[in-house]
Amino acid sequence: MQPPMSETQNINTVIEQEILLLEAENTVESRTLELQKNQFALLLHVVDELQNTIDEEQKNLIEEMRTSIDENRTGVDDGSGGPNAMALDQLVNCIYACVTII
């Protein structure tokens, strides 16, 4: 024996309401996921830009140090490439090695 039609319609109405609720939840979750994907992409972009900035600043610092050392050589050194020039070269190489490790 089948249940009365009114009961079946009531059950059908409840199920349709549940479907609408689930569809609304799905829409909210989809939007949240899309927002998080965009935020993550932005974060990766910012990290990449920061890394590029750090790399550029390190290169500039090394170049400034080399320029400063060259200026000191011409001002302090007698041109013989003596101990002062060798010590400065070693210092620059050491700093460069440390910076590239970072």
PDB file of N, CA and C in Angstrom:
ATOM      1  N   MET A   1       0.832  -1.171   0.000  1.00  0.00           N
ATOM      2  CA  MET A   1       0.000   0.000   0.000  1.00  0.00           C
ATOM      3  C   MET A   1       0.886   1.247   0.000  1.00  0.00           C
ATOM      4  N   GLN A   2       0.508   2.248  -0.770  1.00  0.00           N
ATOM      5  CA  GLN A   2       1.271   3.476  -0.892  1.00  0.00           C
ATOM      6  C   GLN A   2       0.839   4.479   0.168  1.00  0.00           C
ATOM      7  N   PRO A   3       1.808   5.343   0.600  1.00  0.00           N
ATOM      8  CA  PRO A   3       1.418   6.395   1.563  1.00  0.00           C
ATOM      9  C   PRO A   3       0.526   7.425   0.872  1.00  0.00           C
ATOM     10  N   PRO A   4      -0.231   8.148   1.640  1.00  0.00           N
ATOM     11  CA  PRO A   4      -1.109   9.163   1.045  1.00  0.00           C
ATOM     12  C   PRO A   4      -0.287  10.214   0.284  1.00  0.00           C
ATOM     13  N   MET A   5      -0.906  10.779  -0.718  1.00  0.00           N
ATOM     14  CA  MET A   5      -0.230  11.737  -1.588  1.00  0.00           C
ATOM     15  C   MET A   5       0.239  12.971  -0.818  1.00  0.00           C
ATOM     16  N   SER A   6      -0.511  13.437   0.147  1.00  0.00           N
ATOM     17  CA  SER A   6      -0.134  14.623   0.929  1.00  0.00           C
ATOM     18  C   SER A   6       1.162  14.368   1.700  1.00  0.00           C
ATOM     19  N   GLU A   7       1.292  13.147   2.226  1.00  0.00           N
ATOM     20  CA  GLU A   7       2.519  12.796   2.954  1.00  0.00           C
ATOM     21  C   GLU A   7       3.710  12.784   1.999  1.00  0.00           C
ATOM     22  N   THR A   8       3.531  12.229   0.829  1.00  0.00           N
ATOM     23  CA  THR A   8       4.594  12.185  -0.176  1.00  0.00           C
ATOM     24  C   THR A   8       4.981  13.596  -0.603  1.00  0.00           C
ATOM     25  N   GLN A   9       3.997  14.467  -0.765  1.00  0.00           N
ATOM     26  CA  GLN A   9       4.280  15.850  -1.144  1.00  0.00           C
ATOM     27  C   GLN A   9       5.044  16.582  -0.040  1.00  0.00           C
ATOM     28  N   ASN A  10       4.674  16.318   1.208  1.00  0.00           N
ATOM     29  CA  ASN A  10       5.380  16.936   2.335  1.00  0.00           C
ATOM     30  C   ASN A  10       6.848  16.489   2.369  1.00  0.00           C
ATOM     31  N   ILE A  11       7.063  15.203   2.174  1.00  0.00           N
ATOM     32  CA  ILE A  11       8.431  14.670   2.151  1.00  0.00           C
ATOM     33  C   ILE A  11       9.207  15.289   0.992  1.00  0.00           C
ATOM     34  N   ASN A  12       8.551  15.382  -0.153  1.00  0.00           N
ATOM     35  CA  ASN A  12       9.178  15.970  -1.339  1.00  0.00           C
ATOM     36  C   ASN A  12       9.554  17.437  -1.078  1.00  0.00           C
ATOM     37  N   THR A  13       8.680  18.178  -0.421  1.00  0.00           N
ATOM     38  CA  THR A  13       8.944  19.587  -0.099  1.00  0.00           C
ATOM     39  C   THR A  13      10.145  19.716   0.839  1.00  0.00           C
ATOM     40  N   VAL A  14      10.200  18.856   1.846  1.00  0.00           N
ATOM     41  CA  VAL A  14      11.327  18.872   2.787  1.00  0.00           C
ATOM     42  C   VAL A  14      12.632  18.575   2.055  1.00  0.00           C
ATOM     43  N   ILE A  15      12.611  17.589   1.184  1.00  0.00           N
ATOM     44  CA  ILE A  15      13.815  17.220   0.427  1.00  0.00           C
ATOM     45  C   ILE A  15      14.246  18.367  -0.489  1.00  0.00           C
ATOM     46  N   GLU A  16      13.293  19.019  -1.132  1.00  0.00           N
ATOM     47  CA  GLU A  16      13.617  20.154  -2.006  1.00  0.00           C
ATOM     48  C   GLU A  16      14.245  21.299  -1.208  1.00  0.00           C
ATOM     49  N   GLN A  17      13.737  21.536   0.007  1.00  0.00           N
ATOM     50  CA  GLN A  17      14.311  22.577   0.864  1.00  0.00           C
ATOM     51  C   GLN A  17      15.743  22.212   1.272  1.00  0.00           C
ATOM     52  N   GLU A  18      15.972  20.946   1.565  1.00  0.00           N
ATOM     53  CA  GLU A  18      17.323  20.494   1.912  1.00  0.00           C
ATOM     54  C   GLU A  18      18.274  20.676   0.726  1.00  0.00           C
ATOM     55  N   ILE A  19      17.768  20.378  -0.474  1.00  0.00           N
ATOM     56  CA  ILE A  19      18.582  20.548  -1.686  1.00  0.00           C
ATOM     57  C   ILE A  19      18.951  22.021  -1.862  1.00  0.00           C
ATOM     58  N   LEU A  20      17.983  22.916  -1.685  1.00  0.00           N
ATOM     59  CA  LEU A  20      18.253  24.353  -1.807  1.00  0.00           C
ATOM     60  C   LEU A  20      19.285  24.812  -0.774  1.00  0.00           C
ATOM     61  N   LEU A  21      19.151  24.296   0.444  1.00  0.00           N
ATOM     62  CA  LEU A  21      20.101  24.643   1.497  1.00  0.00           C
ATOM     63  C   LEU A  21      21.505  24.157   1.142  1.00  0.00           C
ATOM     64  N   LEU A  22      21.607  22.929   0.658  1.00  0.00           N
ATOM     65  CA  LEU A  22      22.906  22.378   0.271  1.00  0.00           C
ATOM     66  C   LEU A  22      23.517  23.146  -0.904  1.00  0.00           C
ATOM     67  N   GLU A  23      22.681  23.560  -1.847  1.00  0.00           N
ATOM     68  CA  GLU A  23      23.178  24.351  -2.977  1.00  0.00           C
ATOM     69  C   GLU A  23      23.705  25.705  -2.498  1.00  0.00           C
ATOM     70  N   ALA A  24      23.008  26.313  -1.535  1.00  0.00           N
ATOM     71  CA  ALA A  24      23.465  27.591  -0.979  1.00  0.00           C
ATOM     72  C   ALA A  24      24.797  27.409  -0.250  1.00  0.00           C
ATOM     73  N   GLU A  25      24.914  26.338   0.527  1.00  0.00           N
ATOM     74  CA  GLU A  25      26.174  26.045   1.220  1.00  0.00           C
ATOM     75  C   GLU A  25      27.298  25.817   0.216  1.00  0.00           C
ATOM     76  N   ASN A  26      26.990  25.109  -0.859  1.00  0.00           N
ATOM     77  CA  ASN A  26      27.982  24.848  -1.898  1.00  0.00           C
ATOM     78  C   ASN A  26      28.469  26.155  -2.524  1.00  0.00           C
ATOM     79  N   THR A  27      27.548  27.071  -2.776  1.00  0.00           N
ATOM     80  CA  THR A  27      27.915  28.370  -3.348  1.00  0.00           C
ATOM     81  C   THR A  27      28.841  29.134  -2.403  1.00  0.00           C
ATOM     82  N   VAL A  28      28.495  29.141  -1.127  1.00  0.00           N
ATOM     83  CA  VAL A  28      29.331  29.834  -0.134  1.00  0.00           C
ATOM     84  C   VAL A  28      30.719  29.199  -0.075  1.00  0.00           C
ATOM     85  N   GLU A  29      30.773  27.881  -0.032  1.00  0.00           N
ATOM     86  CA  GLU A  29      32.059  27.182   0.049  1.00  0.00           C
ATOM     87  C   GLU A  29      32.887  27.398  -1.216  1.00  0.00           C
ATOM     88  N   SER A  30      32.239  27.422  -2.364  1.00  0.00           N
ATOM     89  CA  SER A  30      32.951  27.663  -3.625  1.00  0.00           C
ATOM     90  C   SER A  30      33.561  29.057  -3.643  1.00  0.00           C
ATOM     91  N   ARG A  31      32.810  30.037  -3.184  1.00  0.00           N
ATOM     92  CA  ARG A  31      33.324  31.412  -3.125  1.00  0.00           C
ATOM     93  C   ARG A  31      34.479  31.517  -2.137  1.00  0.00           C
ATOM     94  N   THR A  32      34.339  30.848  -0.999  1.00  0.00           N
ATOM     95  CA  THR A  32      35.410  30.859  -0.003  1.00  0.00           C
ATOM     96  C   THR A  32      36.674  30.225  -0.569  1.00  0.00           C
ATOM     97  N   LEU A  33      36.525  29.103  -1.241  1.00  0.00           N
ATOM     98  CA  LEU A  33      37.675  28.426  -1.845  1.00  0.00           C
ATOM     99  C   LEU A  33      38.337  29.311  -2.896  1.00  0.00           C
ATOM    100  N   GLU A  34      37.555  29.952  -3.727  1.00  0.00           N
ATOM    101  CA  GLU A  34      38.098  30.842  -4.767  1.00  0.00           C
ATOM    102  C   GLU A  34      38.850  32.011  -4.133  1.00  0.00           C
ATOM    103  N   LEU A  35      38.295  32.576  -3.075  1.00  0.00           N
ATOM    104  CA  LEU A  35      38.954  33.667  -2.362  1.00  0.00           C
ATOM    105  C   LEU A  35      40.289  33.202  -1.786  1.00  0.00           C
ATOM    106  N   GLN A  36      40.299  32.028  -1.172  1.00  0.00           N
ATOM    107  CA  GLN A  36      41.534  31.502  -0.593  1.00  0.00           C
ATOM    108  C   GLN A  36      42.574  31.215  -1.672  1.00  0.00           C
ATOM    109  N   LYS A  37      42.138  30.724  -2.824  1.00  0.00           N
ATOM    110  CA  LYS A  37      43.070  30.492  -3.935  1.00  0.00           C
ATOM    111  C   LYS A  37      43.696  31.804  -4.389  1.00  0.00           C
ATOM    112  N   ASN A  38      42.875  32.846  -4.496  1.00  0.00           N
ATOM    113  CA  ASN A  38      43.387  34.152  -4.904  1.00  0.00           C
ATOM    114  C   ASN A  38      44.343  34.731  -3.866  1.00  0.00           C
ATOM    115  N   GLN A  39      44.003  34.570  -2.594  1.00  0.00           N
ATOM    116  CA  GLN A  39      44.876  35.060  -1.529  1.00  0.00           C
ATOM    117  C   GLN A  39      46.209  34.319  -1.536  1.00  0.00           C
ATOM    118  N   PHE A  40      46.173  33.022  -1.771  1.00  0.00           N
ATOM    119  CA  PHE A  40      47.403  32.233  -1.805  1.00  0.00           C
ATOM    120  C   PHE A  40      48.264  32.641  -2.997  1.00  0.00           C
ATOM    121  N   ALA A  41      47.634  32.864  -4.138  1.00  0.00           N
ATOM    122  CA  ALA A  41      48.377  33.309  -5.323  1.00  0.00           C
ATOM    123  C   ALA A  41      49.029  34.662  -5.057  1.00  0.00           C
ATOM    124  N   LEU A  42      48.307  35.556  -4.398  1.00  0.00           N
ATOM    125  CA  LEU A  42      48.868  36.859  -4.049  1.00  0.00           C
ATOM    126  C   LEU A  42      50.037  36.696  -3.082  1.00  0.00           C
ATOM    127  N   LEU A  43      49.883  35.826  -2.106  1.00  0.00           N
ATOM    128  CA  LEU A  43      50.961  35.576  -1.152  1.00  0.00           C
ATOM    129  C   LEU A  43      52.213  35.072  -1.858  1.00  0.00           C
ATOM    130  N   LEU A  44      52.050  34.130  -2.774  1.00  0.00           N
ATOM    131  CA  LEU A  44      53.203  33.619  -3.522  1.00  0.00           C
ATOM    132  C   LEU A  44      53.853  34.721  -4.347  1.00  0.00           C
ATOM    133  N   HIS A  45      53.045  35.581  -4.934  1.00  0.00           N
ATOM    134  CA  HIS A  45      53.581  36.697  -5.719  1.00  0.00           C
ATOM    135  C   HIS A  45      54.391  37.643  -4.828  1.00  0.00           C
ATOM    136  N   VAL A  46      53.858  37.960  -3.656  1.00  0.00           N
ATOM    137  CA  VAL A  46      54.555  38.855  -2.726  1.00  0.00           C
ATOM    138  C   VAL A  46      55.863  38.226  -2.260  1.00  0.00           C
ATOM    139  N   VAL A  47      55.848  36.940  -1.952  1.00  0.00           N
ATOM    140  CA  VAL A  47      57.072  36.245  -1.533  1.00  0.00           C
ATOM    141  C   VAL A  47      58.110  36.299  -2.646  1.00  0.00           C
ATOM    142  N   ASP A  48      57.679  36.080  -3.881  1.00  0.00           N
ATOM    143  CA  ASP A  48      58.592  36.135  -5.022  1.00  0.00           C
ATOM    144  C   ASP A  48      59.182  37.535  -5.177  1.00  0.00           C
ATOM    145  N   GLU A  49      58.348  38.550  -5.052  1.00  0.00           N
ATOM    146  CA  GLU A  49      58.832  39.931  -5.160  1.00  0.00           C
ATOM    147  C   GLU A  49      59.802  40.259  -4.029  1.00  0.00           C
ATOM    148  N   LEU A  50      59.499  39.813  -2.820  1.00  0.00           N
ATOM    149  CA  LEU A  50      60.410  40.047  -1.694  1.00  0.00           C
ATOM    150  C   LEU A  50      61.747  39.356  -1.916  1.00  0.00           C
ATOM    151  N   GLN A  51      61.710  38.138  -2.434  1.00  0.00           N
ATOM    152  CA  GLN A  51      62.952  37.416  -2.712  1.00  0.00           C
ATOM    153  C   GLN A  51      63.769  38.155  -3.763  1.00  0.00           C
ATOM    154  N   ASN A  52      63.107  38.650  -4.797  1.00  0.00           N
ATOM    155  CA  ASN A  52      63.808  39.421  -5.828  1.00  0.00           C
ATOM    156  C   ASN A  52      64.421  40.686  -5.241  1.00  0.00           C
ATOM    157  N   THR A  53      63.689  41.354  -4.354  1.00  0.00           N
ATOM    158  CA  THR A  53      64.198  42.563  -3.709  1.00  0.00           C
ATOM    159  C   THR A  53      65.412  42.244  -2.847  1.00  0.00           C
ATOM    160  N   ILE A  54      65.331  41.170  -2.087  1.00  0.00           N
ATOM    161  CA  ILE A  54      66.462  40.765  -1.243  1.00  0.00           C
ATOM    162  C   ILE A  54      67.671  40.443  -2.105  1.00  0.00           C
ATOM    163  N   ASP A  55      67.470  39.686  -3.169  1.00  0.00           N
ATOM    164  CA  ASP A  55      68.578  39.342  -4.067  1.00  0.00           C
ATOM    165  C   ASP A  55      69.215  40.593  -4.652  1.00  0.00           C
ATOM    166  N   GLU A  56      68.383  41.527  -5.079  1.00  0.00           N
ATOM    167  CA  GLU A  56      68.895  42.769  -5.679  1.00  0.00           C
ATOM    168  C   GLU A  56      69.668  43.589  -4.648  1.00  0.00           C
ATOM    169  N   GLU A  57      69.145  43.670  -3.426  1.00  0.00           N
ATOM    170  CA  GLU A  57      69.837  44.412  -2.375  1.00  0.00           C
ATOM    171  C   GLU A  57      71.177  43.766  -2.035  1.00  0.00           C
ATOM    172  N   GLN A  58      71.225  42.439  -2.027  1.00  0.00           N
ATOM    173  CA  GLN A  58      72.489  41.753  -1.762  1.00  0.00           C
ATOM    174  C   GLN A  58      73.498  42.045  -2.868  1.00  0.00           C
ATOM    175  N   LYS A  59      73.051  42.017  -4.110  1.00  0.00           N
ATOM    176  CA  LYS A  59      73.951  42.328  -5.224  1.00  0.00           C
ATOM    177  C   LYS A  59      74.464  43.757  -5.117  1.00  0.00           C
ATOM    178  N   ASN A  60      73.562  44.687  -4.784  1.00  0.00           N
ATOM    179  CA  ASN A  60      73.967  46.084  -4.639  1.00  0.00           C
ATOM    180  C   ASN A  60      74.960  46.257  -3.503  1.00  0.00           C
ATOM    181  N   LEU A  61      74.726  45.571  -2.394  1.00  0.00           N
ATOM    182  CA  LEU A  61      75.638  45.649  -1.254  1.00  0.00           C
ATOM    183  C   LEU A  61      77.015  45.134  -1.628  1.00  0.00           C
ATOM    184  N   ILE A  62      77.056  44.015  -2.314  1.00  0.00           N
ATOM    185  CA  ILE A  62      78.342  43.453  -2.738  1.00  0.00           C
ATOM    186  C   ILE A  62      79.049  44.418  -3.686  1.00  0.00           C
ATOM    187  N   GLU A  63      78.299  44.989  -4.607  1.00  0.00           N
ATOM    188  CA  GLU A  63      78.896  45.944  -5.555  1.00  0.00           C
ATOM    189  C   GLU A  63      79.411  47.179  -4.822  1.00  0.00           C
ATOM    190  N   GLU A  64      78.649  47.674  -3.852  1.00  0.00           N
ATOM    191  CA  GLU A  64      79.104  48.818  -3.060  1.00  0.00           C
ATOM    192  C   GLU A  64      80.378  48.478  -2.302  1.00  0.00           C
ATOM    193  N   MET A  65      80.436  47.267  -1.746  1.00  0.00           N
ATOM    194  CA  MET A  65      81.637  46.853  -1.009  1.00  0.00           C
ATOM    195  C   MET A  65      82.832  46.773  -1.949  1.00  0.00           C
ATOM    196  N   ARG A  66      82.627  46.209  -3.117  1.00  0.00           N
ATOM    197  CA  ARG A  66      83.726  46.117  -4.085  1.00  0.00           C
ATOM    198  C   ARG A  66      84.194  47.513  -4.499  1.00  0.00           C
ATOM    199  N   THR A  67      83.248  48.405  -4.736  1.00  0.00           N
ATOM    200  CA  THR A  67      83.602  49.776  -5.108  1.00  0.00           C
ATOM    201  C   THR A  67      84.368  50.450  -3.981  1.00  0.00           C
ATOM    202  N   SER A  68      83.891  50.272  -2.762  1.00  0.00           N
ATOM    203  CA  SER A  68      84.563  50.859  -1.605  1.00  0.00           C
ATOM    204  C   SER A  68      85.971  50.302  -1.449  1.00  0.00           C
ATOM    205  N   ILE A  69      86.106  49.011  -1.656  1.00  0.00           N
ATOM    206  CA  ILE A  69      87.432  48.388  -1.545  1.00  0.00           C
ATOM    207  C   ILE A  69      88.350  48.919  -2.634  1.00  0.00           C
ATOM    208  N   ASP A  70      87.820  49.033  -3.844  1.00  0.00           N
ATOM    209  CA  ASP A  70      88.631  49.576  -4.935  1.00  0.00           C
ATOM    210  C   ASP A  70      89.066  51.001  -4.626  1.00  0.00           C
ATOM    211  N   GLU A  71      88.146  51.801  -4.069  1.00  0.00           N
ATOM    212  CA  GLU A  71      88.492  53.175  -3.703  1.00  0.00           C
ATOM    213  C   GLU A  71      89.547  53.191  -2.610  1.00  0.00           C
ATOM    214  N   ASN A  72      89.423  52.273  -1.639  1.00  0.00           N
ATOM    215  CA  ASN A  72      90.412  52.202  -0.561  1.00  0.00           C
ATOM    216  C   ASN A  72      91.765  51.766  -1.094  1.00  0.00           C
ATOM    217  N   ARG A  73      91.762  50.866  -2.048  1.00  0.00           N
ATOM    218  CA  ARG A  73      93.027  50.411  -2.635  1.00  0.00           C
ATOM    219  C   ARG A  73      93.763  51.572  -3.291  1.00  0.00           C
ATOM    220  N   THR A  74      93.034  52.335  -4.055  1.00  0.00           N
ATOM    221  CA  THR A  74      93.688  53.438  -4.759  1.00  0.00           C
ATOM    222  C   THR A  74      94.126  54.521  -3.789  1.00  0.00           C
ATOM    223  N   GLY A  75      93.434  54.670  -2.681  1.00  0.00           N
ATOM    224  CA  GLY A  75      93.802  55.694  -1.706  1.00  0.00           C
ATOM    225  C   GLY A  75      94.849  55.230  -0.718  1.00  0.00           C
ATOM    226  N   VAL A  76      94.851  53.950  -0.344  1.00  0.00           N
ATOM    227  CA  VAL A  76      95.736  53.438   0.699  1.00  0.00           C
ATOM    228  C   VAL A  76      96.910  52.691   0.110  1.00  0.00           C
ATOM    229  N   ASP A  77      96.667  51.993  -0.945  1.00  0.00           N
ATOM    230  CA  ASP A  77      97.653  51.086  -1.520  1.00  0.00           C
ATOM    231  C   ASP A  77      98.670  51.844  -2.350  1.00  0.00           C
ATOM    232  N   ASP A  78      99.860  51.296  -2.422  1.00  0.00           N
ATOM    233  CA  ASP A  78     100.882  51.900  -3.272  1.00  0.00           C
ATOM    234  C   ASP A  78     100.848  51.301  -4.666  1.00  0.00           C
ATOM    235  N   GLY A  79      99.846  50.496  -4.935  1.00  0.00           N
ATOM    236  CA  GLY A  79      99.708  49.892  -6.255  1.00  0.00           C
ATOM    237  C   GLY A  79     100.405  48.558  -6.372  1.00  0.00           C
ATOM    238  N   SER A  80     101.054  48.123  -5.327  1.00  0.00           N
ATOM    239  CA  SER A  80     101.794  46.865  -5.407  1.00  0.00           C
ATOM    240  C   SER A  80     100.913  45.656  -5.148  1.00  0.00           C
ATOM    241  N   GLY A  81      99.675  45.893  -4.751  1.00  0.00           N
ATOM    242  CA  GLY A  81      98.800  44.754  -4.440  1.00  0.00           C
ATOM    243  C   GLY A  81      99.270  44.046  -3.187  1.00  0.00           C
ATOM    244  N   GLY A  82      99.741  44.813  -2.248  1.00  0.00           N
ATOM    245  CA  GLY A  82     100.325  44.271  -1.025  1.00  0.00           C
ATOM    246  C   GLY A  82      99.307  43.677  -0.087  1.00  0.00           C
ATOM    247  N   PRO A  83      99.676  43.536   1.173  1.00  0.00           N
ATOM    248  CA  PRO A  83      98.837  42.858   2.160  1.00  0.00           C
ATOM    249  C   PRO A  83      97.455  43.487   2.331  1.00  0.00           C
ATOM    250  N   ASN A  84      97.362  44.816   2.268  1.00  0.00           N
ATOM    251  CA  ASN A  84      96.048  45.447   2.451  1.00  0.00           C
ATOM    252  C   ASN A  84      95.077  45.026   1.361  1.00  0.00           C
ATOM    253  N   ALA A  85      95.529  45.021   0.132  1.00  0.00           N
ATOM    254  CA  ALA A  85      94.668  44.627  -0.984  1.00  0.00           C
ATOM    255  C   ALA A  85      94.272  43.165  -0.867  1.00  0.00           C
ATOM    256  N   MET A  86      95.203  42.329  -0.471  1.00  0.00           N
ATOM    257  CA  MET A  86      94.899  40.898  -0.326  1.00  0.00           C
ATOM    258  C   MET A  86      93.886  40.677   0.789  1.00  0.00           C
ATOM    259  N   ALA A  87      94.057  41.384   1.892  1.00  0.00           N
ATOM    260  CA  ALA A  87      93.124  41.238   3.013  1.00  0.00           C
ATOM    261  C   ALA A  87      91.731  41.703   2.612  1.00  0.00           C
ATOM    262  N   LEU A  88      91.655  42.799   1.870  1.00  0.00           N
ATOM    263  CA  LEU A  88      90.358  43.292   1.423  1.00  0.00           C
ATOM    264  C   LEU A  88      89.703  42.310   0.461  1.00  0.00           C
ATOM    265  N   ASP A  89      90.486  41.726  -0.436  1.00  0.00           N
ATOM    266  CA  ASP A  89      89.939  40.719  -1.354  1.00  0.00           C
ATOM    267  C   ASP A  89      89.384  39.524  -0.589  1.00  0.00           C
ATOM    268  N   GLN A  90      90.126  39.089   0.407  1.00  0.00           N
ATOM    269  CA  GLN A  90      89.671  37.953   1.207  1.00  0.00           C
ATOM    270  C   GLN A  90      88.380  38.297   1.946  1.00  0.00           C
ATOM    271  N   LEU A  91      88.303  39.510   2.472  1.00  0.00           N
ATOM    272  CA  LEU A  91      87.099  39.944   3.179  1.00  0.00           C
ATOM    273  C   LEU A  91      85.899  39.969   2.237  1.00  0.00           C
ATOM    274  N   VAL A  92      86.078  40.528   1.052  1.00  0.00           N
ATOM    275  CA  VAL A  92      84.982  40.584   0.084  1.00  0.00           C
ATOM    276  C   VAL A  92      84.541  39.182  -0.297  1.00  0.00           C
ATOM    277  N   ASN A  93      85.486  38.299  -0.564  1.00  0.00           N
ATOM    278  CA  ASN A  93      85.143  36.922  -0.939  1.00  0.00           C
ATOM    279  C   ASN A  93      84.411  36.205   0.184  1.00  0.00           C
ATOM    280  N   CYS A  94      84.844  36.438   1.411  1.00  0.00           N
ATOM    281  CA  CYS A  94      84.192  35.813   2.564  1.00  0.00           C
ATOM    282  C   CYS A  94      82.756  36.322   2.707  1.00  0.00           C
ATOM    283  N   ILE A  95      82.578  37.631   2.606  1.00  0.00           N
ATOM    284  CA  ILE A  95      81.235  38.205   2.729  1.00  0.00           C
ATOM    285  C   ILE A  95      80.353  37.725   1.590  1.00  0.00           C
ATOM    286  N   TYR A  96      80.904  37.687   0.384  1.00  0.00           N
ATOM    287  CA  TYR A  96      80.134  37.215  -0.769  1.00  0.00           C
ATOM    288  C   TYR A  96      79.687  35.770  -0.549  1.00  0.00           C
ATOM    289  N   ALA A  97      80.596  34.937  -0.040  1.00  0.00           N
ATOM    290  CA  ALA A  97      80.254  33.536   0.217  1.00  0.00           C
ATOM    291  C   ALA A  97      79.144  33.434   1.266  1.00  0.00           C
ATOM    292  N   CYS A  98      79.227  34.249   2.305  1.00  0.00           N
ATOM    293  CA  CYS A  98      78.202  34.227   3.351  1.00  0.00           C
ATOM    294  C   CYS A  98      76.855  34.688   2.810  1.00  0.00           C
ATOM    295  N   VAL A  99      76.854  35.721   1.988  1.00  0.00           N
ATOM    296  CA  VAL A  99      75.610  36.253   1.441  1.00  0.00           C
ATOM    297  C   VAL A  99      74.963  35.248   0.502  1.00  0.00           C
ATOM    298  N   THR A 100      75.756  34.559  -0.305  1.00  0.00           N
ATOM    299  CA  THR A 100      75.172  33.600  -1.243  1.00  0.00           C
ATOM    300  C   THR A 100      74.615  32.384  -0.521  1.00  0.00           C
ATOM    301  N   ILE A 101      75.140  32.075   0.632  1.00  0.00           N
ATOM    302  CA  ILE A 101      74.607  30.955   1.424  1.00  0.00           C
ATOM    303  C   ILE A 101      73.217  31.307   1.937  1.00  0.00           C
ATOM    304  N   ILE A 102      73.033  32.540   2.338  1.00  0.00           N
ATOM    305  CA  ILE A 102      71.744  32.992   2.867  1.00  0.00           C
ATOM    306  C   ILE A 102      70.764  32.970   1.750  1.00  0.00           C
TER     307      ILE A 102
END
